[in-house]
Amino acid sequence: LAMLVAAGLPTTDLTAQSWPHFLVGRDGAALLGAVGLEPHDH
């Protein structure tokens, strides 16, 4: 959320149920990037 807000990207519809649909990039424990997938139909 902090990264998305800092980048000016939308966050108001994201909830705890959203995070399993995200992938993150890390360097050790540091979170360096993220991307989400919102599935719709098959």
PDB file of all heavy atoms in Angstrom:
ATOM      1  N   LEU A   1       0.828  -1.215   0.000  1.00  0.00           N
ATOM      2  CA  LEU A   1       0.000   0.000   0.000  1.00  0.00           C
ATOM      3  C   LEU A   1       0.858   1.258   0.000  1.00  0.00           C
ATOM      4  O   LEU A   1       0.583   2.205  -0.741  1.00  0.00           O
ATOM      5  CB  LEU A   1      -0.937   0.019   1.212  1.00  0.00           C
ATOM      6  CG  LEU A   1      -2.219  -0.766   1.085  1.00  0.00           C
ATOM      7  CD1 LEU A   1      -2.986  -0.758   2.402  1.00  0.00           C
ATOM      8  CD2 LEU A   1      -3.089  -0.217  -0.038  1.00  0.00           C
ATOM      9  N   ALA A   2       1.886   1.273   0.829  1.00  0.00           N
ATOM     10  CA  ALA A   2       2.758   2.451   0.899  1.00  0.00           C
ATOM     11  C   ALA A   2       3.423   2.718  -0.447  1.00  0.00           C
ATOM     12  O   ALA A   2       3.516   3.876  -0.884  1.00  0.00           O
ATOM     13  CB  ALA A   2       3.809   2.264   1.996  1.00  0.00           C
ATOM     14  N   MET A   3       3.883   1.666  -1.122  1.00  0.00           N
ATOM     15  CA  MET A   3       4.514   1.836  -2.434  1.00  0.00           C
ATOM     16  C   MET A   3       3.511   2.357  -3.457  1.00  0.00           C
ATOM     17  O   MET A   3       3.830   3.234  -4.262  1.00  0.00           O
ATOM     18  CB  MET A   3       5.114   0.514  -2.922  1.00  0.00           C
ATOM     19  CG  MET A   3       6.323   0.067  -2.140  1.00  0.00           C
ATOM     20  SD  MET A   3       7.018  -1.455  -2.829  1.00  0.00           S
ATOM     21  CE  MET A   3       7.859  -0.767  -4.256  1.00  0.00           C
ATOM     22  N   LEU A   4       2.295   1.806  -3.439  1.00  0.00           N
ATOM     23  CA  LEU A   4       1.266   2.231  -4.391  1.00  0.00           C
ATOM     24  C   LEU A   4       0.877   3.684  -4.164  1.00  0.00           C
ATOM     25  O   LEU A   4       0.751   4.456  -5.122  1.00  0.00           O
ATOM     26  CB  LEU A   4       0.040   1.323  -4.295  1.00  0.00           C
ATOM     27  CG  LEU A   4       0.256  -0.140  -4.672  1.00  0.00           C
ATOM     28  CD1 LEU A   4      -1.000  -0.952  -4.395  1.00  0.00           C
ATOM     29  CD2 LEU A   4       0.679  -0.274  -6.126  1.00  0.00           C
ATOM     30  N   VAL A   5       0.701   4.063  -2.909  1.00  0.00           N
ATOM     31  CA  VAL A   5       0.350   5.452  -2.588  1.00  0.00           C
ATOM     32  C   VAL A   5       1.466   6.391  -3.042  1.00  0.00           C
ATOM     33  O   VAL A   5       1.211   7.425  -3.666  1.00  0.00           O
ATOM     34  CB  VAL A   5       0.041   5.610  -1.085  1.00  0.00           C
ATOM     35  CG1 VAL A   5      -0.032   7.072  -0.687  1.00  0.00           C
ATOM     36  CG2 VAL A   5      -1.265   4.896  -0.735  1.00  0.00           C
ATOM     37  N   ALA A   6       2.709   6.025  -2.751  1.00  0.00           N
ATOM     38  CA  ALA A   6       3.854   6.865  -3.139  1.00  0.00           C
ATOM     39  C   ALA A   6       3.929   7.036  -4.649  1.00  0.00           C
ATOM     40  O   ALA A   6       4.355   8.085  -5.138  1.00  0.00           O
ATOM     41  CB  ALA A   6       5.156   6.272  -2.601  1.00  0.00           C
ATOM     42  N   ALA A   7       3.486   6.012  -5.393  1.00  0.00           N
ATOM     43  CA  ALA A   7       3.524   6.070  -6.858  1.00  0.00           C
ATOM     44  C   ALA A   7       2.258   6.688  -7.448  1.00  0.00           C
ATOM     45  O   ALA A   7       2.144   6.815  -8.669  1.00  0.00           O
ATOM     46  CB  ALA A   7       3.723   4.663  -7.421  1.00  0.00           C
ATOM     47  N   GLY A   8       1.305   7.046  -6.599  1.00  0.00           N
ATOM     48  CA  GLY A   8       0.074   7.652  -7.084  1.00  0.00           C
ATOM     49  C   GLY A   8      -0.874   6.669  -7.750  1.00  0.00           C
ATOM     50  O   GLY A   8      -1.697   7.054  -8.578  1.00  0.00           O
ATOM     51  N   LEU A   9      -0.779   5.390  -7.387  1.00  0.00           N
ATOM     52  CA  LEU A   9      -1.631   4.358  -7.977  1.00  0.00           C
ATOM     53  C   LEU A   9      -2.844   4.100  -7.088  1.00  0.00           C
ATOM     54  O   LEU A   9      -2.793   4.312  -5.877  1.00  0.00           O
ATOM     55  CB  LEU A   9      -0.823   3.072  -8.189  1.00  0.00           C
ATOM     56  CG  LEU A   9       0.308   3.209  -9.211  1.00  0.00           C
ATOM     57  CD1 LEU A   9       1.201   1.985  -9.197  1.00  0.00           C
ATOM     58  CD2 LEU A   9      -0.253   3.459 -10.600  1.00  0.00           C
ATOM     59  N   PRO A  10      -3.952   3.624  -7.668  1.00  0.00           N
ATOM     60  CA  PRO A  10      -5.179   3.435  -6.887  1.00  0.00           C
ATOM     61  C   PRO A  10      -5.060   2.333  -5.842  1.00  0.00           C
ATOM     62  O   PRO A  10      -4.458   1.288  -6.085  1.00  0.00           O
ATOM     63  CB  PRO A  10      -6.227   3.065  -7.941  1.00  0.00           C
ATOM     64  CG  PRO A  10      -5.502   2.758  -9.187  1.00  0.00           C
ATOM     65  CD  PRO A  10      -4.123   3.304  -9.082  1.00  0.00           C
ATOM     66  N   THR A  11      -5.650   2.600  -4.672  1.00  0.00           N
ATOM     67  CA  THR A  11      -5.588   1.636  -3.573  1.00  0.00           C
ATOM     68  C   THR A  11      -6.918   1.452  -2.855  1.00  0.00           C
ATOM     69  O   THR A  11      -7.044   0.508  -2.074  1.00  0.00           O
ATOM     70  CB  THR A  11      -4.557   2.074  -2.514  1.00  0.00           C
ATOM     71  OG1 THR A  11      -4.961   3.341  -1.980  1.00  0.00           O
ATOM     72  CG2 THR A  11      -3.161   2.171  -3.089  1.00  0.00           C
ATOM     73  N   THR A  12      -7.884   2.318  -3.085  1.00  0.00           N
ATOM     74  CA  THR A  12      -9.081   2.325  -2.240  1.00  0.00           C
ATOM     75  C   THR A  12      -9.881   1.032  -2.292  1.00  0.00           C
ATOM     76  O   THR A  12     -10.605   0.731  -1.351  1.00  0.00           O
ATOM     77  CB  THR A  12     -10.008   3.507  -2.586  1.00  0.00           C
ATOM     78  OG1 THR A  12     -10.354   3.438  -3.965  1.00  0.00           O
ATOM     79  CG2 THR A  12      -9.332   4.832  -2.286  1.00  0.00           C
ATOM     80  N   ASP A  13      -9.761   0.269  -3.340  1.00  0.00           N
ATOM     81  CA  ASP A  13     -10.518  -0.982  -3.434  1.00  0.00           C
ATOM     82  C   ASP A  13      -9.718  -2.193  -2.976  1.00  0.00           C
ATOM     83  O   ASP A  13     -10.236  -3.312  -2.987  1.00  0.00           O
ATOM     84  CB  ASP A  13     -11.033  -1.197  -4.859  1.00  0.00           C
ATOM     85  CG  ASP A  13      -9.909  -1.366  -5.866  1.00  0.00           C
ATOM     86  OD1 ASP A  13      -8.834  -0.758  -5.683  1.00  0.00           O
ATOM     87  OD2 ASP A  13     -10.112  -2.102  -6.844  1.00  0.00           O
ATOM     88  N   LEU A  14      -8.476  -2.008  -2.559  1.00  0.00           N
ATOM     89  CA  LEU A  14      -7.650  -3.134  -2.121  1.00  0.00           C
ATOM     90  C   LEU A  14      -7.937  -3.466  -0.661  1.00  0.00           C
ATOM     91  O   LEU A  14      -8.052  -2.580   0.178  1.00  0.00           O
ATOM     92  CB  LEU A  14      -6.168  -2.816  -2.314  1.00  0.00           C
ATOM     93  CG  LEU A  14      -5.737  -2.586  -3.760  1.00  0.00           C
ATOM     94  CD1 LEU A  14      -4.275  -2.161  -3.815  1.00  0.00           C
ATOM     95  CD2 LEU A  14      -5.974  -3.820  -4.605  1.00  0.00           C
ATOM     96  N   THR A  15      -8.041  -4.770  -0.383  1.00  0.00           N
ATOM     97  CA  THR A  15      -8.311  -5.259   0.967  1.00  0.00           C
ATOM     98  C   THR A  15      -7.332  -6.378   1.283  1.00  0.00           C
ATOM     99  O   THR A  15      -6.527  -6.774   0.434  1.00  0.00           O
ATOM    100  CB  THR A  15      -9.749  -5.815   1.061  1.00  0.00           C
ATOM    101  OG1 THR A  15      -9.838  -6.989   0.248  1.00  0.00           O
ATOM    102  CG2 THR A  15     -10.786  -4.784   0.614  1.00  0.00           C
ATOM    103  N   ALA A  16      -7.449  -6.926   2.482  1.00  0.00           N
ATOM    104  CA  ALA A  16      -6.587  -8.047   2.868  1.00  0.00           C
ATOM    105  C   ALA A  16      -6.756  -9.223   1.911  1.00  0.00           C
ATOM    106  O   ALA A  16      -5.821  -9.993   1.702  1.00  0.00           O
ATOM    107  CB  ALA A  16      -6.895  -8.474   4.302  1.00  0.00           C
ATOM    108  N   GLN A  17      -7.936  -9.361   1.305  1.00  0.00           N
ATOM    109  CA  GLN A  17      -8.166 -10.445   0.354  1.00  0.00           C
ATOM    110  C   GLN A  17      -7.457 -10.202  -0.978  1.00  0.00           C
ATOM    111  O   GLN A  17      -7.351 -11.108  -1.802  1.00  0.00           O
ATOM    112  CB  GLN A  17      -9.671 -10.631   0.098  1.00  0.00           C
ATOM    113  CG  GLN A  17     -10.415 -11.241   1.276  1.00  0.00           C
ATOM    114  CD  GLN A  17     -10.617 -10.250   2.421  1.00  0.00           C
ATOM    115  OE1 GLN A  17     -10.846  -9.066   2.200  1.00  0.00           O
ATOM    116  NE2 GLN A  17     -10.513 -10.724   3.645  1.00  0.00           N
ATOM    117  N   SER A  18      -6.960  -8.994  -1.210  1.00  0.00           N
ATOM    118  CA  SER A  18      -6.257  -8.671  -2.452  1.00  0.00           C
ATOM    119  C   SER A  18      -4.836  -9.219  -2.471  1.00  0.00           C
ATOM    120  O   SER A  18      -4.325  -9.584  -3.532  1.00  0.00           O
ATOM    121  CB  SER A  18      -6.180  -7.155  -2.652  1.00  0.00           C
ATOM    122  OG  SER A  18      -7.459  -6.562  -2.657  1.00  0.00           O
ATOM    123  N   TRP A  19      -4.187  -9.274  -1.318  1.00  0.00           N
ATOM    124  CA  TRP A  19      -2.752  -9.572  -1.281  1.00  0.00           C
ATOM    125  C   TRP A  19      -2.382 -10.941  -1.838  1.00  0.00           C
ATOM    126  O   TRP A  19      -1.328 -11.070  -2.469  1.00  0.00           O
ATOM    127  CB  TRP A  19      -2.183  -9.358   0.126  1.00  0.00           C
ATOM    128  CG  TRP A  19      -2.538  -8.006   0.661  1.00  0.00           C
ATOM    129  CD1 TRP A  19      -3.047  -7.711   1.890  1.00  0.00           C
ATOM    130  CD2 TRP A  19      -2.454  -6.742  -0.023  1.00  0.00           C
ATOM    131  NE1 TRP A  19      -3.294  -6.356   2.001  1.00  0.00           N
ATOM    132  CE2 TRP A  19      -2.935  -5.736   0.845  1.00  0.00           C
ATOM    133  CE3 TRP A  19      -2.039  -6.350  -1.296  1.00  0.00           C
ATOM    134  CZ2 TRP A  19      -2.995  -4.397   0.503  1.00  0.00           C
ATOM    135  CZ3 TRP A  19      -2.108  -5.010  -1.658  1.00  0.00           C
ATOM    136  CH2 TRP A  19      -2.575  -4.052  -0.764  1.00  0.00           C
ATOM    137  N   PRO A  20      -3.186 -11.984  -1.670  1.00  0.00           N
ATOM    138  CA  PRO A  20      -2.805 -13.265  -2.287  1.00  0.00           C
ATOM    139  C   PRO A  20      -2.762 -13.221  -3.819  1.00  0.00           C
ATOM    140  O   PRO A  20      -2.188 -14.107  -4.438  1.00  0.00           O
ATOM    141  CB  PRO A  20      -3.893 -14.230  -1.796  1.00  0.00           C
ATOM    142  CG  PRO A  20      -4.386 -13.628  -0.531  1.00  0.00           C
ATOM    143  CD  PRO A  20      -4.323 -12.146  -0.758  1.00  0.00           C
ATOM    144  N   HIS A  21      -3.341 -12.190  -4.411  1.00  0.00           N
ATOM    145  CA  HIS A  21      -3.318 -12.035  -5.862  1.00  0.00           C
ATOM    146  C   HIS A  21      -2.152 -11.158  -6.323  1.00  0.00           C
ATOM    147  O   HIS A  21      -2.070 -10.799  -7.501  1.00  0.00           O
ATOM    148  CB  HIS A  21      -4.637 -11.432  -6.360  1.00  0.00           C
ATOM    149  CG  HIS A  21      -5.817 -12.303  -6.075  1.00  0.00           C
ATOM    150  ND1 HIS A  21      -6.092 -13.440  -6.807  1.00  0.00           N
ATOM    151  CD2 HIS A  21      -6.760 -12.229  -5.109  1.00  0.00           C
ATOM    152  CE1 HIS A  21      -7.179 -14.008  -6.314  1.00  0.00           C
ATOM    153  NE2 HIS A  21      -7.600 -13.297  -5.285  1.00  0.00           N
ATOM    154  N   PHE A  22      -1.265 -10.801  -5.407  1.00  0.00           N
ATOM    155  CA  PHE A  22      -0.098  -9.984  -5.729  1.00  0.00           C
ATOM    156  C   PHE A  22       1.161 -10.834  -5.686  1.00  0.00           C
ATOM    157  O   PHE A  22       1.266 -11.782  -4.917  1.00  0.00           O
ATOM    158  CB  PHE A  22       0.061  -8.835  -4.719  1.00  0.00           C
ATOM    159  CG  PHE A  22      -0.688  -7.586  -5.080  1.00  0.00           C
ATOM    160  CD1 PHE A  22      -2.065  -7.521  -4.957  1.00  0.00           C
ATOM    161  CD2 PHE A  22      -0.022  -6.478  -5.556  1.00  0.00           C
ATOM    162  CE1 PHE A  22      -2.767  -6.381  -5.290  1.00  0.00           C
ATOM    163  CE2 PHE A  22      -0.706  -5.324  -5.898  1.00  0.00           C
ATOM    164  CZ  PHE A  22      -2.081  -5.273  -5.760  1.00  0.00           C
ATOM    165  N   LEU A  23       2.122 -10.453  -6.518  1.00  0.00           N
ATOM    166  CA  LEU A  23       3.480 -10.968  -6.438  1.00  0.00           C
ATOM    167  C   LEU A  23       4.358  -9.814  -5.984  1.00  0.00           C
ATOM    168  O   LEU A  23       4.083  -8.652  -6.304  1.00  0.00           O
ATOM    169  CB  LEU A  23       3.959 -11.468  -7.804  1.00  0.00           C
ATOM    170  CG  LEU A  23       3.201 -12.646  -8.403  1.00  0.00           C
ATOM    171  CD1 LEU A  23       3.745 -12.966  -9.794  1.00  0.00           C
ATOM    172  CD2 LEU A  23       3.285 -13.863  -7.503  1.00  0.00           C
ATOM    173  N   VAL A  24       5.400 -10.130  -5.263  1.00  0.00           N
ATOM    174  CA  VAL A  24       6.320  -9.099  -4.784  1.00  0.00           C
ATOM    175  C   VAL A  24       7.747  -9.450  -5.172  1.00  0.00           C
ATOM    176  O   VAL A  24       8.101 -10.618  -5.300  1.00  0.00           O
ATOM    177  CB  VAL A  24       6.212  -8.897  -3.256  1.00  0.00           C
ATOM    178  CG1 VAL A  24       4.852  -8.317  -2.886  1.00  0.00           C
ATOM    179  CG2 VAL A  24       6.465 -10.191  -2.501  1.00  0.00           C
ATOM    180  N   GLY A  25       8.543  -8.413  -5.355  1.00  0.00           N
ATOM    181  CA  GLY A  25       9.970  -8.566  -5.594  1.00  0.00           C
ATOM    182  C   GLY A  25      10.712  -8.148  -4.345  1.00  0.00           C
ATOM    183  O   GLY A  25      10.391  -7.112  -3.754  1.00  0.00           O
ATOM    184  N   ARG A  26      11.669  -8.957  -3.951  1.00  0.00           N
ATOM    185  CA  ARG A  26      12.406  -8.695  -2.717  1.00  0.00           C
ATOM    186  C   ARG A  26      13.911  -8.771  -2.946  1.00  0.00           C
ATOM    187  O   ARG A  26      14.379  -9.480  -3.813  1.00  0.00           O
ATOM    188  CB  ARG A  26      12.070  -9.741  -1.659  1.00  0.00           C
ATOM    189  CG  ARG A  26      10.638  -9.871  -1.278  1.00  0.00           C
ATOM    190  CD  ARG A  26      10.468 -10.962  -0.201  1.00  0.00           C
ATOM    191  NE  ARG A  26       9.096 -11.376  -0.058  1.00  0.00           N
ATOM    192  CZ  ARG A  26       8.178 -10.728   0.636  1.00  0.00           C
ATOM    193  NH1 ARG A  26       8.494  -9.624   1.250  1.00  0.00           N
ATOM    194  NH2 ARG A  26       6.947 -11.185   0.721  1.00  0.00           N
ATOM    195  N   ASP A  27      14.591  -8.051  -2.102  1.00  0.00           N
ATOM    196  CA  ASP A  27      16.025  -8.207  -1.935  1.00  0.00           C
ATOM    197  C   ASP A  27      16.202  -8.487  -0.457  1.00  0.00           C
ATOM    198  O   ASP A  27      16.125  -7.560   0.361  1.00  0.00           O
ATOM    199  CB  ASP A  27      16.768  -6.956  -2.367  1.00  0.00           C
ATOM    200  CG  ASP A  27      18.277  -7.131  -2.331  1.00  0.00           C
ATOM    201  OD1 ASP A  27      18.749  -8.238  -2.003  1.00  0.00           O
ATOM    202  OD2 ASP A  27      18.986  -6.156  -2.627  1.00  0.00           O
ATOM    203  N   GLY A  28      16.351  -9.744  -0.106  1.00  0.00           N
ATOM    204  CA  GLY A  28      16.336 -10.128   1.308  1.00  0.00           C
ATOM    205  C   GLY A  28      14.946  -9.872   1.864  1.00  0.00           C
ATOM    206  O   GLY A  28      13.949 -10.290   1.292  1.00  0.00           O
ATOM    207  N   ALA A  29      14.877  -9.125   2.950  1.00  0.00           N
ATOM    208  CA  ALA A  29      13.582  -8.819   3.572  1.00  0.00           C
ATOM    209  C   ALA A  29      12.944  -7.566   2.975  1.00  0.00           C
ATOM    210  O   ALA A  29      11.783  -7.288   3.231  1.00  0.00           O
ATOM    211  CB  ALA A  29      13.753  -8.642   5.069  1.00  0.00           C
ATOM    212  N   ALA A  30      13.690  -6.817   2.186  1.00  0.00           N
ATOM    213  CA  ALA A  30      13.192  -5.550   1.653  1.00  0.00           C
ATOM    214  C   ALA A  30      12.248  -5.778   0.473  1.00  0.00           C
ATOM    215  O   ALA A  30      12.609  -6.439  -0.496  1.00  0.00           O
ATOM    216  CB  ALA A  30      14.353  -4.661   1.223  1.00  0.00           C
ATOM    217  N   LEU A  31      11.065  -5.215   0.568  1.00  0.00           N
ATOM    218  CA  LEU A  31      10.093  -5.271  -0.520  1.00  0.00           C
ATOM    219  C   LEU A  31      10.436  -4.162  -1.513  1.00  0.00           C
ATOM    220  O   LEU A  31      10.480  -2.990  -1.140  1.00  0.00           O
ATOM    221  CB  LEU A  31       8.678  -5.078   0.021  1.00  0.00           C
ATOM    222  CG  LEU A  31       7.580  -5.294  -0.992  1.00  0.00           C
ATOM    223  CD1 LEU A  31       7.249  -6.779  -1.068  1.00  0.00           C
ATOM    224  CD2 LEU A  31       6.353  -4.518  -0.601  1.00  0.00           C
ATOM    225  N   LEU A  32      10.722  -4.547  -2.760  1.00  0.00           N
ATOM    226  CA  LEU A  32      11.170  -3.585  -3.759  1.00  0.00           C
ATOM    227  C   LEU A  32      10.170  -3.353  -4.885  1.00  0.00           C
ATOM    228  O   LEU A  32      10.327  -2.413  -5.662  1.00  0.00           O
ATOM    229  CB  LEU A  32      12.500  -4.035  -4.357  1.00  0.00           C
ATOM    230  CG  LEU A  32      13.648  -4.200  -3.370  1.00  0.00           C
ATOM    231  CD1 LEU A  32      14.881  -4.739  -4.087  1.00  0.00           C
ATOM    232  CD2 LEU A  32      13.954  -2.889  -2.673  1.00  0.00           C
ATOM    233  N   GLY A  33       9.178  -4.211  -4.994  1.00  0.00           N
ATOM    234  CA  GLY A  33       8.202  -4.048  -6.062  1.00  0.00           C
ATOM    235  C   GLY A  33       7.035  -4.981  -5.869  1.00  0.00           C
ATOM    236  O   GLY A  33       7.092  -5.919  -5.071  1.00  0.00           O
ATOM    237  N   ALA A  34       5.952  -4.689  -6.597  1.00  0.00           N
ATOM    238  CA  ALA A  34       4.752  -5.523  -6.491  1.00  0.00           C
ATOM    239  C   ALA A  34       3.921  -5.377  -7.758  1.00  0.00           C
ATOM    240  O   ALA A  34       4.008  -4.374  -8.474  1.00  0.00           O
ATOM    241  CB  ALA A  34       3.924  -5.108  -5.275  1.00  0.00           C
ATOM    242  N   VAL A  35       3.120  -6.400  -8.009  1.00  0.00           N
ATOM    243  CA  VAL A  35       2.161  -6.373  -9.113  1.00  0.00           C
ATOM    244  C   VAL A  35       1.004  -7.278  -8.725  1.00  0.00           C
ATOM    245  O   VAL A  35       1.198  -8.312  -8.094  1.00  0.00           O
ATOM    246  CB  VAL A  35       2.791  -6.816 -10.455  1.00  0.00           C
ATOM    247  CG1 VAL A  35       3.261  -8.259 -10.406  1.00  0.00           C
ATOM    248  CG2 VAL A  35       1.837  -6.581 -11.612  1.00  0.00           C
ATOM    249  N   GLY A  36      -0.201  -6.862  -9.102  1.00  0.00           N
ATOM    250  CA  GLY A  36      -1.378  -7.649  -8.763  1.00  0.00           C
ATOM    251  C   GLY A  36      -2.115  -8.147  -9.988  1.00  0.00           C
ATOM    252  O   GLY A  36      -1.972  -7.600 -11.088  1.00  0.00           O
ATOM    253  N   LEU A  37      -2.900  -9.172  -9.771  1.00  0.00           N
ATOM    254  CA  LEU A  37      -3.744  -9.746 -10.811  1.00  0.00           C
ATOM    255  C   LEU A  37      -5.143  -9.875 -10.237  1.00  0.00           C
ATOM    256  O   LEU A  37      -5.337 -10.533  -9.221  1.00  0.00           O
ATOM    257  CB  LEU A  37      -3.231 -11.114 -11.240  1.00  0.00           C
ATOM    258  CG  LEU A  37      -4.082 -11.865 -12.254  1.00  0.00           C
ATOM    259  CD1 LEU A  37      -4.103 -11.132 -13.592  1.00  0.00           C
ATOM    260  CD2 LEU A  37      -3.552 -13.280 -12.439  1.00  0.00           C
ATOM    261  N   GLU A  38      -6.084  -9.225 -10.886  1.00  0.00           N
ATOM    262  CA  GLU A  38      -7.478  -9.318 -10.472  1.00  0.00           C
ATOM    263  C   GLU A  38      -8.177 -10.229 -11.476  1.00  0.00           C
ATOM    264  O   GLU A  38      -8.434  -9.826 -12.608  1.00  0.00           O
ATOM    265  CB  GLU A  38      -8.076  -7.910 -10.486  1.00  0.00           C
ATOM    266  CG  GLU A  38      -9.368  -7.756  -9.766  1.00  0.00           C
ATOM    267  CD  GLU A  38      -9.803  -6.298  -9.728  1.00  0.00           C
ATOM    268  OE1 GLU A  38      -9.043  -5.447  -9.208  1.00  0.00           O
ATOM    269  OE2 GLU A  38     -10.900  -6.014 -10.229  1.00  0.00           O
ATOM    270  N   PRO A  39      -8.447 -11.486 -11.095  1.00  0.00           N
ATOM    271  CA  PRO A  39      -9.060 -12.423 -12.049  1.00  0.00           C
ATOM    272  C   PRO A  39     -10.543 -12.116 -12.273  1.00  0.00           C
ATOM    273  O   PRO A  39     -11.259 -11.776 -11.337  1.00  0.00           O
ATOM    274  CB  PRO A  39      -8.891 -13.786 -11.391  1.00  0.00           C
ATOM    275  CG  PRO A  39      -8.479 -13.542  -9.992  1.00  0.00           C
ATOM    276  CD  PRO A  39      -8.130 -12.112  -9.830  1.00  0.00           C
ATOM    277  N   HIS A  40     -10.964 -12.244 -13.525  1.00  0.00           N
ATOM    278  CA  HIS A  40     -12.370 -12.056 -13.895  1.00  0.00           C
ATOM    279  C   HIS A  40     -12.736 -13.117 -14.908  1.00  0.00           C
ATOM    280  O   HIS A  40     -12.113 -13.202 -15.951  1.00  0.00           O
ATOM    281  CB  HIS A  40     -12.608 -10.661 -14.467  1.00  0.00           C
ATOM    282  CG  HIS A  40     -12.419  -9.606 -13.436  1.00  0.00           C
ATOM    283  ND1 HIS A  40     -13.378  -9.283 -12.517  1.00  0.00           N
ATOM    284  CD2 HIS A  40     -11.340  -8.842 -13.131  1.00  0.00           C
ATOM    285  CE1 HIS A  40     -12.925  -8.346 -11.706  1.00  0.00           C
ATOM    286  NE2 HIS A  40     -11.688  -8.069 -12.055  1.00  0.00           N
ATOM    287  N   ASP A  41     -13.719 -13.886 -14.623  1.00  0.00           N
ATOM    288  CA  ASP A  41     -14.129 -15.075 -15.365  1.00  0.00           C
ATOM    289  C   ASP A  41     -12.901 -15.925 -15.663  1.00  0.00           C
ATOM    290  O   ASP A  41     -11.850 -15.727 -15.068  1.00  0.00           O
ATOM    291  CB  ASP A  41     -15.011 -14.761 -16.583  1.00  0.00           C
ATOM    292  CG  ASP A  41     -14.288 -14.105 -17.760  1.00  0.00           C
ATOM    293  OD1 ASP A  41     -13.129 -14.444 -18.024  1.00  0.00           O
ATOM    294  OD2 ASP A  41     -14.906 -13.266 -18.434  1.00  0.00           O
ATOM    295  N   HIS A  42     -12.999 -16.868 -16.548  1.00  0.00           N
ATOM    296  CA  HIS A  42     -11.864 -17.770 -16.772  1.00  0.00           C
ATOM    297  C   HIS A  42     -10.921 -17.287 -17.859  1.00  0.00           C
ATOM    298  O   HIS A  42      -9.895 -17.908 -18.097  1.00  0.00           O
ATOM    299  CB  HIS A  42     -12.359 -19.178 -17.120  1.00  0.00           C
ATOM    300  CG  HIS A  42     -13.101 -19.820 -16.001  1.00  0.00           C
ATOM    301  ND1 HIS A  42     -12.526 -20.107 -14.793  1.00  0.00           N
ATOM    302  CD2 HIS A  42     -14.396 -20.200 -15.902  1.00  0.00           C
ATOM    303  CE1 HIS A  42     -13.423 -20.645 -13.988  1.00  0.00           C
ATOM    304  NE2 HIS A  42     -14.553 -20.719 -14.633  1.00  0.00           N
TER     305      HIS A  42
END
